[in-house]
Amino acid sequence: MRFGLALAFATSGCGRTGGDGGRTEGVGGSAAGVGGSLGAGGAVSGVGGAIGEGGAGSGIGGSGIDGGMGNDAGSADAQPPGPATRAFVPTVSTVRSIVISNGVIYVGGFFSSSTSTLFPAGVAALDETTLSNMPAWAPQVFPFVNSLAVSDGLVYAGLDIGNGDLQALDAVTGMSRSSLPHGDAAVIAVAVGGGTLYVGGIFMTIGGTTRNQFAAVDATTGALKSWAPNDTYVPGWPMALAISGNTVYAGGTFTLSNGSNGTRGLLAAMDATTGALTPWNPLPNGSVSALLVVGNQLFVGGGFLRIAGQPRNSVAAFDLTTGELLPWAPVVATGNGGPSSVQSLAVQGNIVYLGGRFTQVAGQPRGGLAAVDATSGAVLPWAPMTSPNNAEATAVVSALAASDKVVVAGINGSVAVTGVAFYPPASP
């Protein structure tokens, strides 16, 4: 089955040029005609319908966004579809977090409503099948949303300074549902589990109480918990959190000190109840940007070249029972020998999606986005573009989410390639 999802990559003053998305700002003039939902079949005109199958979809053109039908399919200018084609919605700003939950795609970042009515606030909600706005979703306009987590009918948002830095939103309406304690600086990462919201950031206090970069809040009452794993603030950011059982994993650029319990840098595991550091100490030699728990495995993405004393190019996997590094080792690289990074991870079935700054995986060309086998680490043929002809080396896939219906990527790069991209899933 071949999906008829196609891209209309708009440049300034033109709604017809084919291509791909990336990491910074979107487009001027008439933007890609993506609204409502993505049409099925052949050369799609504007939008409408669900993610469909059909011929060689050639680019969604025209000037309409959110229900405005582009009258030109852009077939003369569109980038020919590759092994996986996609639709692209420009945001003219930064995309930081994507979560798919109960048929809804939640996207967090800093968006411009003047460019895309799909993203009028710091957090958007789209129907997973139609890719249209959820009809009841109407949150207030937040400042920069750094991270999202969804649990029990609530969307938890970690923000830059302002609006409380933590928000609990109704998953249907986007309205604030509970009062959460304020921090004195940005919240970068959030994770929720066991009735507790764990947060990491560059704050030194939460709710007026000292909490150095890490804190925990009761997800029901909003009360600050005693969990305080870091004794001393040292400049650096927790960039990712993940929970497995009674353990919280944290990655970033931080140095964490827990008194006589020890010190950890860049990647750590903490008791979810007491905050005590576990003995696990993998010592990556570069930053950690993404964490993903899948069953009994922890996948780690970042800018490292060694971890647990062994070579790994930007991505690695650990056995959560033994703490040992697994042989799973896709080789992520840039063609010019420059630094690569994996900044986002997602999983669906036995496929792990990698997003970041790279041009190759296992020696095969991949423009910042790839799919690999979760067991063997072998790179799969799925190879969508993330910038026109995958030519923009600065484009970064900073956020990823995946389901059996769609893979959603937040791409940040030049003015012409920043936005949210929707791809058909990879095949095992």
Protein backbone atom coordinates (compact mmCIF):
# COMPACT_ATOMS: atom_id res chain seq x y z
CA MET A 1 0.00 0.00 0.00
CA ARG A 2 1.32 3.38 -0.89
CA PHE A 3 0.22 6.54 0.86
CA GLY A 4 -0.82 9.55 -1.15
CA LEU A 5 0.48 12.00 1.45
CA ALA A 6 2.39 14.71 -0.32
CA LEU A 7 4.20 17.89 0.49
CA ALA A 8 3.58 21.41 -0.70
CA PHE A 9 6.62 23.21 0.48
CA ALA A 10 5.93 26.91 0.14
CA THR A 11 8.56 29.54 -0.31
CA SER A 12 8.10 33.27 0.02
CA GLY A 13 5.35 34.37 -2.29
CA CYS A 14 4.81 30.91 -3.72
CA GLY A 15 2.61 28.03 -2.64
CA ARG A 16 3.77 25.46 -5.12
CA THR A 17 7.37 24.49 -4.62
CA GLY A 18 7.97 20.87 -3.66
CA GLY A 19 10.31 19.98 -0.84
CA ASP A 20 10.57 19.29 2.87
CA GLY A 21 10.46 20.85 6.27
CA GLY A 22 13.08 21.76 8.82
CA ARG A 23 13.94 23.54 12.06
CA THR A 24 13.25 27.23 12.24
CA GLU A 25 10.83 29.42 10.64
CA GLY A 26 8.22 28.72 8.11
CA VAL A 27 7.34 30.53 4.99
CA GLY A 28 6.17 33.91 3.86
CA GLY A 29 3.71 34.84 1.19
CA SER A 30 1.23 32.12 0.41
CA ALA A 31 1.92 29.08 2.52
CA ALA A 32 1.29 25.45 1.84
CA GLY A 33 -2.39 24.69 1.59
CA VAL A 34 -2.66 22.38 4.56
CA GLY A 35 -5.72 22.62 6.70
CA GLY A 36 -8.63 20.45 7.51
CA SER A 37 -7.00 17.17 6.66
CA LEU A 38 -4.84 15.59 4.08
CA GLY A 39 -6.51 14.35 0.95
CA ALA A 40 -6.27 10.94 -0.57
CA GLY A 41 -4.91 9.99 -3.92
CA GLY A 42 -2.83 11.31 -6.76
CA ALA A 43 -1.96 14.94 -6.96
CA VAL A 44 -3.76 16.44 -4.03
CA SER A 45 -5.42 19.81 -4.40
CA GLY A 46 -5.22 21.70 -1.14
CA VAL A 47 -6.60 19.56 1.64
CA GLY A 48 -9.52 17.40 2.57
CA GLY A 49 -10.24 13.87 3.64
CA ALA A 50 -8.01 11.62 5.68
CA ILE A 51 -4.53 10.29 5.10
CA GLY A 52 -5.26 8.36 1.97
CA GLU A 53 -3.71 6.05 -0.49
CA GLY A 54 -3.31 6.74 -4.10
CA GLY A 55 -1.00 7.52 -6.96
CA ALA A 56 2.15 9.55 -6.81
CA GLY A 57 0.87 12.43 -4.77
CA SER A 58 2.71 15.47 -5.93
CA GLY A 59 2.64 18.29 -3.49
CA ILE A 60 -0.17 20.19 -1.85
CA GLY A 61 -0.13 23.65 -3.34
CA GLY A 62 -2.14 26.83 -3.27
CA SER A 63 -2.44 29.48 -0.64
CA GLY A 64 -5.02 28.16 1.81
CA ILE A 65 -4.26 27.04 5.34
CA ASP A 66 -6.77 25.28 7.59
CA GLY A 67 -9.65 24.61 5.29
CA GLY A 68 -8.55 26.89 2.44
CA MET A 69 -8.35 24.72 -0.62
CA GLY A 70 -5.25 25.26 -2.70
CA ASN A 71 -6.33 25.33 -6.32
CA ASP A 72 -3.02 24.20 -7.71
CA ALA A 73 -1.65 20.78 -6.93
CA GLY A 74 1.83 22.09 -7.68
CA SER A 75 2.67 19.12 -9.85
CA ALA A 76 5.07 21.10 -11.99
CA ASP A 77 7.21 22.20 -9.09
CA ALA A 78 6.67 19.59 -6.40
CA GLN A 79 9.44 17.36 -5.12
CA PRO A 80 8.75 13.85 -6.43
CA PRO A 81 7.72 11.57 -3.60
CA GLY A 82 10.39 9.30 -2.16
CA PRO A 83 9.97 6.02 -0.30
CA ALA A 84 7.83 7.96 2.15
CA THR A 85 6.12 11.22 1.23
CA ARG A 86 4.57 13.64 3.63
CA ALA A 87 2.60 16.76 4.27
CA PHE A 88 4.11 19.78 5.93
CA VAL A 89 2.61 22.60 8.01
CA PRO A 90 4.88 25.61 8.53
CA THR A 91 4.93 27.15 12.00
CA VAL A 92 7.37 30.05 11.54
CA SER A 93 9.00 29.23 14.82
CA THR A 94 10.34 26.36 16.90
CA VAL A 95 8.83 22.91 17.46
CA ARG A 96 9.94 21.30 20.72
CA SER A 97 7.66 18.42 21.72
CA ILE A 98 5.14 16.04 20.14
CA VAL A 99 2.98 13.42 21.87
CA ILE A 100 0.30 11.14 20.38
CA SER A 101 -2.35 9.99 22.87
CA ASN A 102 -5.84 8.55 22.39
CA GLY A 103 -6.02 9.54 18.75
CA VAL A 104 -4.79 13.10 19.28
CA ILE A 105 -1.47 14.65 18.24
CA TYR A 106 -0.29 17.27 20.73
CA VAL A 107 2.43 19.64 19.50
CA GLY A 108 4.35 22.06 21.72
CA GLY A 109 6.65 24.92 20.77
CA PHE A 110 6.50 28.56 19.88
CA PHE A 111 4.23 29.17 16.90
CA SER A 112 3.05 32.06 14.76
CA SER A 113 -0.71 32.21 14.25
CA SER A 114 -0.16 34.54 11.31
CA THR A 115 1.31 31.66 9.31
CA SER A 116 -0.64 28.60 10.36
CA THR A 117 -4.02 28.53 12.04
CA LEU A 118 -3.30 24.90 12.91
CA PHE A 119 -0.86 26.24 15.51
CA PRO A 120 -2.35 29.37 17.07
CA ALA A 121 -0.91 28.86 20.58
CA GLY A 122 2.10 27.30 22.26
CA VAL A 123 0.42 23.90 22.22
CA ALA A 124 -1.82 22.50 19.49
CA ALA A 125 -4.05 19.43 19.25
CA LEU A 126 -4.72 17.67 15.94
CA ASP A 127 -6.82 14.65 15.05
CA GLU A 128 -4.45 11.74 14.42
CA THR A 129 -6.40 10.55 11.37
CA THR A 130 -7.48 13.76 9.64
CA LEU A 131 -4.66 16.01 10.90
CA SER A 132 -7.21 18.77 11.45
CA ASN A 133 -7.58 20.85 14.60
CA MET A 134 -9.52 19.20 17.40
CA PRO A 135 -12.78 21.20 17.43
CA ALA A 136 -12.96 21.82 21.18
CA TRP A 137 -9.29 22.66 21.65
CA ALA A 138 -8.94 26.31 22.69
CA PRO A 139 -6.06 26.88 25.12
CA GLN A 140 -4.86 30.30 26.12
CA VAL A 141 -1.84 31.57 24.19
CA PHE A 142 1.15 30.31 26.13
CA PRO A 143 4.75 31.40 25.81
CA PHE A 144 7.31 28.90 24.59
CA VAL A 145 6.25 25.30 25.38
CA ASN A 146 9.32 23.12 25.85
CA SER A 147 7.84 19.74 26.68
CA LEU A 148 4.59 17.78 26.91
CA ALA A 149 3.33 14.68 28.69
CA VAL A 150 -0.19 13.22 28.68
CA SER A 151 -1.87 11.17 31.39
CA ASP A 152 -5.38 10.60 32.75
CA GLY A 153 -7.10 13.21 30.61
CA LEU A 154 -4.52 15.93 31.24
CA VAL A 155 -1.81 17.43 29.07
CA TYR A 156 1.14 18.58 31.17
CA ALA A 157 3.21 21.37 29.62
CA GLY A 158 6.62 22.60 30.68
CA LEU A 159 7.14 26.23 29.67
CA ASP A 160 9.80 28.88 29.56
CA ILE A 161 9.53 31.40 32.36
CA GLY A 162 6.02 32.81 32.62
CA ASN A 163 2.48 31.42 33.05
CA GLY A 164 3.64 29.30 35.96
CA ASP A 165 6.21 27.28 33.99
CA LEU A 166 3.97 24.25 34.50
CA GLN A 167 0.46 23.83 33.13
CA ALA A 168 -2.07 21.01 33.45
CA LEU A 169 -4.51 21.29 30.54
CA ASP A 170 -7.72 19.43 29.85
CA ALA A 171 -6.85 16.98 27.06
CA VAL A 172 -10.06 17.86 25.16
CA THR A 173 -10.47 21.61 25.63
CA GLY A 174 -6.93 22.77 26.44
CA MET A 175 -8.24 24.76 29.41
CA SER A 176 -6.22 24.86 32.63
CA ARG A 177 -7.43 22.14 34.96
CA SER A 178 -5.30 22.36 38.10
CA SER A 179 -2.92 24.73 39.83
CA LEU A 180 0.72 23.70 39.65
CA PRO A 181 3.59 25.34 41.54
CA HIS A 182 5.56 28.09 39.84
CA GLY A 183 9.25 27.81 39.10
CA ASP A 184 11.77 30.62 38.97
CA ALA A 185 13.05 29.59 35.51
CA ALA A 186 12.20 27.42 32.53
CA VAL A 187 10.96 23.83 32.69
CA ILE A 188 12.68 21.90 29.92
CA ALA A 189 11.46 18.31 30.40
CA VAL A 190 8.41 16.63 31.93
CA ALA A 191 7.38 13.01 32.47
CA VAL A 192 4.43 11.58 34.34
CA GLY A 193 3.99 8.19 35.99
CA GLY A 194 2.66 6.63 39.16
CA GLY A 195 0.55 9.70 39.90
CA THR A 196 3.59 11.98 39.90
CA LEU A 197 4.74 14.65 37.47
CA TYR A 198 8.53 14.79 37.29
CA VAL A 199 10.09 17.97 35.90
CA GLY A 200 13.56 19.08 34.93
CA GLY A 201 14.78 22.52 33.99
CA ILE A 202 17.05 25.41 34.80
CA PHE A 203 15.08 26.47 37.88
CA MET A 204 16.44 26.74 41.41
CA THR A 205 13.06 26.89 43.15
CA ILE A 206 9.60 25.42 42.54
CA GLY A 207 6.68 26.80 44.52
CA GLY A 208 9.13 28.95 46.49
CA THR A 209 11.00 25.84 47.72
CA THR A 210 14.57 25.00 46.73
CA ARG A 211 14.69 22.46 43.95
CA ASN A 212 17.83 22.41 41.82
CA GLN A 213 16.92 21.46 38.25
CA PHE A 214 14.72 18.50 39.27
CA ALA A 215 11.40 18.35 41.11
CA ALA A 216 8.26 16.25 41.50
CA VAL A 217 4.63 17.31 41.81
CA ASP A 218 1.59 15.29 42.84
CA ALA A 219 -0.33 14.93 39.57
CA THR A 220 -3.67 14.95 41.39
CA THR A 221 -3.29 17.75 43.93
CA GLY A 222 -0.49 19.79 42.36
CA ALA A 223 1.41 19.71 45.66
CA LEU A 224 5.20 19.80 45.50
CA LYS A 225 6.73 16.54 46.67
CA SER A 226 9.84 16.12 48.80
CA TRP A 227 11.67 14.45 45.88
CA ALA A 228 14.87 16.49 45.41
CA PRO A 229 17.69 14.47 43.84
CA ASN A 230 20.08 17.37 43.13
CA ASP A 231 21.70 19.10 46.10
CA THR A 232 23.54 21.84 44.25
CA TYR A 233 22.73 23.84 41.14
CA VAL A 234 25.44 23.53 38.49
CA PRO A 235 24.85 25.24 35.12
CA GLY A 236 23.38 22.75 32.68
CA TRP A 237 20.00 21.55 31.46
CA PRO A 238 18.01 18.38 32.04
CA MET A 239 16.75 17.85 28.49
CA ALA A 240 14.88 14.53 28.72
CA LEU A 241 13.11 12.46 31.38
CA ALA A 242 11.75 8.91 31.24
CA ILE A 243 10.18 6.64 33.83
CA SER A 244 10.45 2.88 34.22
CA GLY A 245 8.87 1.32 37.28
CA ASN A 246 10.30 3.09 40.33
CA THR A 247 13.19 4.68 38.44
CA VAL A 248 13.39 8.09 36.80
CA TYR A 249 16.00 8.49 34.05
CA ALA A 250 17.33 11.93 33.17
CA GLY A 251 19.56 13.09 30.34
CA GLY A 252 20.94 16.46 29.38
CA THR A 253 23.96 18.67 29.93
CA PHE A 254 23.72 18.73 33.74
CA THR A 255 25.92 17.61 36.60
CA LEU A 256 23.84 16.06 39.37
CA SER A 257 25.13 15.86 42.94
CA ASN A 258 23.32 13.88 45.62
CA GLY A 259 25.57 14.34 48.64
CA SER A 260 27.18 11.15 49.83
CA ASN A 261 25.03 9.28 47.30
CA GLY A 262 27.34 10.39 44.51
CA THR A 263 27.59 12.53 41.39
CA ARG A 264 26.39 11.89 37.85
CA GLY A 265 26.93 13.77 34.63
CA LEU A 266 24.74 13.96 31.52
CA LEU A 267 22.80 10.74 32.18
CA ALA A 268 21.48 9.48 35.51
CA ALA A 269 18.96 7.19 37.15
CA MET A 270 17.13 8.18 40.34
CA ASP A 271 14.78 6.40 42.70
CA ALA A 272 11.31 7.72 41.84
CA THR A 273 10.32 7.87 45.53
CA THR A 274 13.43 8.97 47.40
CA GLY A 275 15.44 10.73 44.67
CA ALA A 276 18.54 8.70 45.57
CA LEU A 277 20.91 7.98 42.71
CA THR A 278 21.10 4.38 41.58
CA PRO A 279 24.52 2.76 41.05
CA TRP A 280 24.06 2.97 37.26
CA ASN A 281 26.59 5.43 35.84
CA PRO A 282 27.04 5.15 32.05
CA LEU A 283 29.12 8.36 31.69
CA PRO A 284 28.44 9.46 28.09
CA ASN A 285 31.09 11.78 26.68
CA GLY A 286 28.51 14.16 25.20
CA SER A 287 25.07 15.56 25.88
CA VAL A 288 21.90 13.44 26.06
CA SER A 289 18.85 14.92 24.32
CA ALA A 290 16.31 12.07 24.15
CA LEU A 291 15.27 9.10 26.28
CA LEU A 292 12.78 6.38 25.38
CA VAL A 293 11.70 3.43 27.54
CA VAL A 294 10.38 0.48 25.55
CA GLY A 295 9.61 -2.60 27.61
CA ASN A 296 12.84 -3.56 29.31
CA GLN A 297 15.05 -1.29 27.24
CA LEU A 298 16.16 2.32 27.50
CA PHE A 299 17.06 4.02 24.22
CA VAL A 300 19.33 7.06 24.53
CA GLY A 301 19.98 9.75 21.92
CA GLY A 302 22.39 12.65 22.05
CA GLY A 303 25.69 14.05 20.89
CA PHE A 304 28.01 11.45 22.41
CA LEU A 305 30.58 9.17 20.78
CA ARG A 306 31.17 6.92 23.79
CA ILE A 307 28.86 5.68 26.52
CA ALA A 308 29.37 3.04 29.22
CA GLY A 309 32.97 2.86 28.07
CA GLN A 310 32.10 1.74 24.54
CA PRO A 311 31.82 3.55 21.19
CA ARG A 312 28.33 4.59 20.13
CA ASN A 313 27.49 7.21 17.51
CA SER A 314 24.78 9.43 19.04
CA VAL A 315 22.40 6.60 19.95
CA ALA A 316 22.54 3.60 22.30
CA ALA A 317 20.34 1.13 24.17
CA PHE A 318 20.53 -0.34 27.68
CA ASP A 319 19.00 -3.37 29.35
CA LEU A 320 16.96 -1.96 32.23
CA THR A 321 17.28 -5.10 34.35
CA THR A 322 21.06 -5.36 34.28
CA GLY A 323 21.93 -1.76 33.34
CA GLU A 324 24.26 -3.11 30.67
CA LEU A 325 24.84 -1.48 27.30
CA LEU A 326 23.25 -3.55 24.53
CA PRO A 327 24.95 -4.33 21.20
CA TRP A 328 22.22 -2.33 19.39
CA ALA A 329 24.28 0.34 17.64
CA PRO A 330 23.06 2.14 14.51
CA VAL A 331 25.95 4.29 13.27
CA VAL A 332 24.69 7.86 12.94
CA ALA A 333 26.98 10.30 11.15
CA THR A 334 27.29 13.36 8.96
CA GLY A 335 28.81 12.97 5.52
CA ASN A 336 31.36 15.74 6.05
CA GLY A 337 32.69 14.23 9.25
CA GLY A 338 31.14 16.95 11.43
CA PRO A 339 29.32 16.27 14.70
CA SER A 340 26.05 14.39 14.51
CA SER A 341 23.32 14.17 17.10
CA VAL A 342 20.10 12.30 17.80
CA GLN A 343 17.73 14.77 19.44
CA SER A 344 14.44 12.88 19.33
CA LEU A 345 13.24 9.29 19.52
CA ALA A 346 9.92 7.53 18.95
CA VAL A 347 8.82 3.93 18.74
CA GLN A 348 6.02 2.02 17.07
CA GLY A 349 5.99 -1.75 17.21
CA ASN A 350 9.51 -2.97 16.51
CA ILE A 351 10.60 0.25 14.81
CA VAL A 352 12.58 3.02 16.49
CA TYR A 353 12.54 6.39 14.74
CA LEU A 354 15.60 8.62 15.07
CA GLY A 355 15.48 12.38 14.58
CA GLY A 356 18.27 14.89 14.83
CA ARG A 357 21.17 16.35 12.92
CA PHE A 358 22.72 13.74 10.64
CA THR A 359 23.00 12.79 6.99
CA GLN A 360 23.76 9.08 7.24
CA VAL A 361 22.69 6.04 9.25
CA ALA A 362 24.69 2.85 8.78
CA GLY A 363 26.29 4.45 5.73
CA GLN A 364 22.96 5.06 4.02
CA PRO A 365 21.78 8.62 3.29
CA ARG A 366 19.20 9.91 5.74
CA GLY A 367 18.38 13.59 6.15
CA GLY A 368 17.94 13.91 9.89
CA LEU A 369 15.18 11.29 10.09
CA ALA A 370 15.47 7.50 9.97
CA ALA A 371 13.78 4.27 11.02
CA VAL A 372 15.74 1.37 12.47
CA ASP A 373 14.88 -2.10 13.67
CA ALA A 374 14.44 -2.01 17.45
CA THR A 375 16.08 -5.42 17.85
CA SER A 376 18.93 -5.49 15.35
CA GLY A 377 19.56 -1.78 14.82
CA ALA A 378 19.44 -2.27 11.05
CA VAL A 379 18.39 0.83 9.14
CA LEU A 380 15.09 0.41 7.26
CA PRO A 381 14.39 1.64 3.69
CA TRP A 382 12.00 4.35 4.95
CA ALA A 383 13.72 7.61 4.00
CA PRO A 384 11.54 10.74 3.92
CA MET A 385 13.08 14.13 3.31
CA THR A 386 13.33 16.83 5.95
CA SER A 387 14.43 19.71 3.72
CA PRO A 388 14.26 20.25 -0.04
CA ASN A 389 16.30 17.39 -1.50
CA ASN A 390 17.59 16.80 2.05
CA ALA A 391 20.00 19.60 1.22
CA GLU A 392 19.79 21.68 4.39
CA ALA A 393 22.46 20.35 6.72
CA THR A 394 21.29 22.63 9.54
CA ALA A 395 17.76 21.19 9.62
CA VAL A 396 17.17 19.29 12.83
CA VAL A 397 14.34 16.92 13.71
CA SER A 398 13.88 18.08 17.28
CA ALA A 399 10.67 16.21 18.17
CA LEU A 400 9.08 12.92 17.12
CA ALA A 401 5.98 10.85 17.81
CA ALA A 402 4.72 7.76 16.04
CA SER A 403 1.63 5.60 15.83
CA ASP A 404 0.34 2.97 13.41
CA LYS A 405 -1.30 5.80 11.43
CA VAL A 406 1.33 8.51 11.19
CA VAL A 407 4.83 9.62 12.10
CA VAL A 408 4.96 13.26 13.18
CA ALA A 409 8.20 15.24 13.18
CA GLY A 410 9.01 18.72 14.43
CA ILE A 411 11.67 20.16 12.15
CA ASN A 412 13.69 23.30 12.79
CA GLY A 413 16.06 24.85 10.31
CA SER A 414 16.06 27.78 7.91
CA VAL A 415 13.13 30.10 7.33
CA ALA A 416 11.85 27.82 4.60
CA VAL A 417 11.87 24.53 6.47
CA THR A 418 10.54 24.92 10.01
CA GLY A 419 7.29 23.21 10.85
CA VAL A 420 5.49 19.97 11.58
CA ALA A 421 5.76 17.14 9.09
CA PHE A 422 3.42 14.15 8.77
CA TYR A 423 4.71 10.91 7.25
CA PRO A 424 3.22 7.48 6.62
CA PRO A 425 4.80 4.97 9.00
CA ALA A 426 7.73 2.77 8.04
CA SER A 427 7.32 -0.90 7.26
CA PRO A 428 9.33 -3.44 9.28
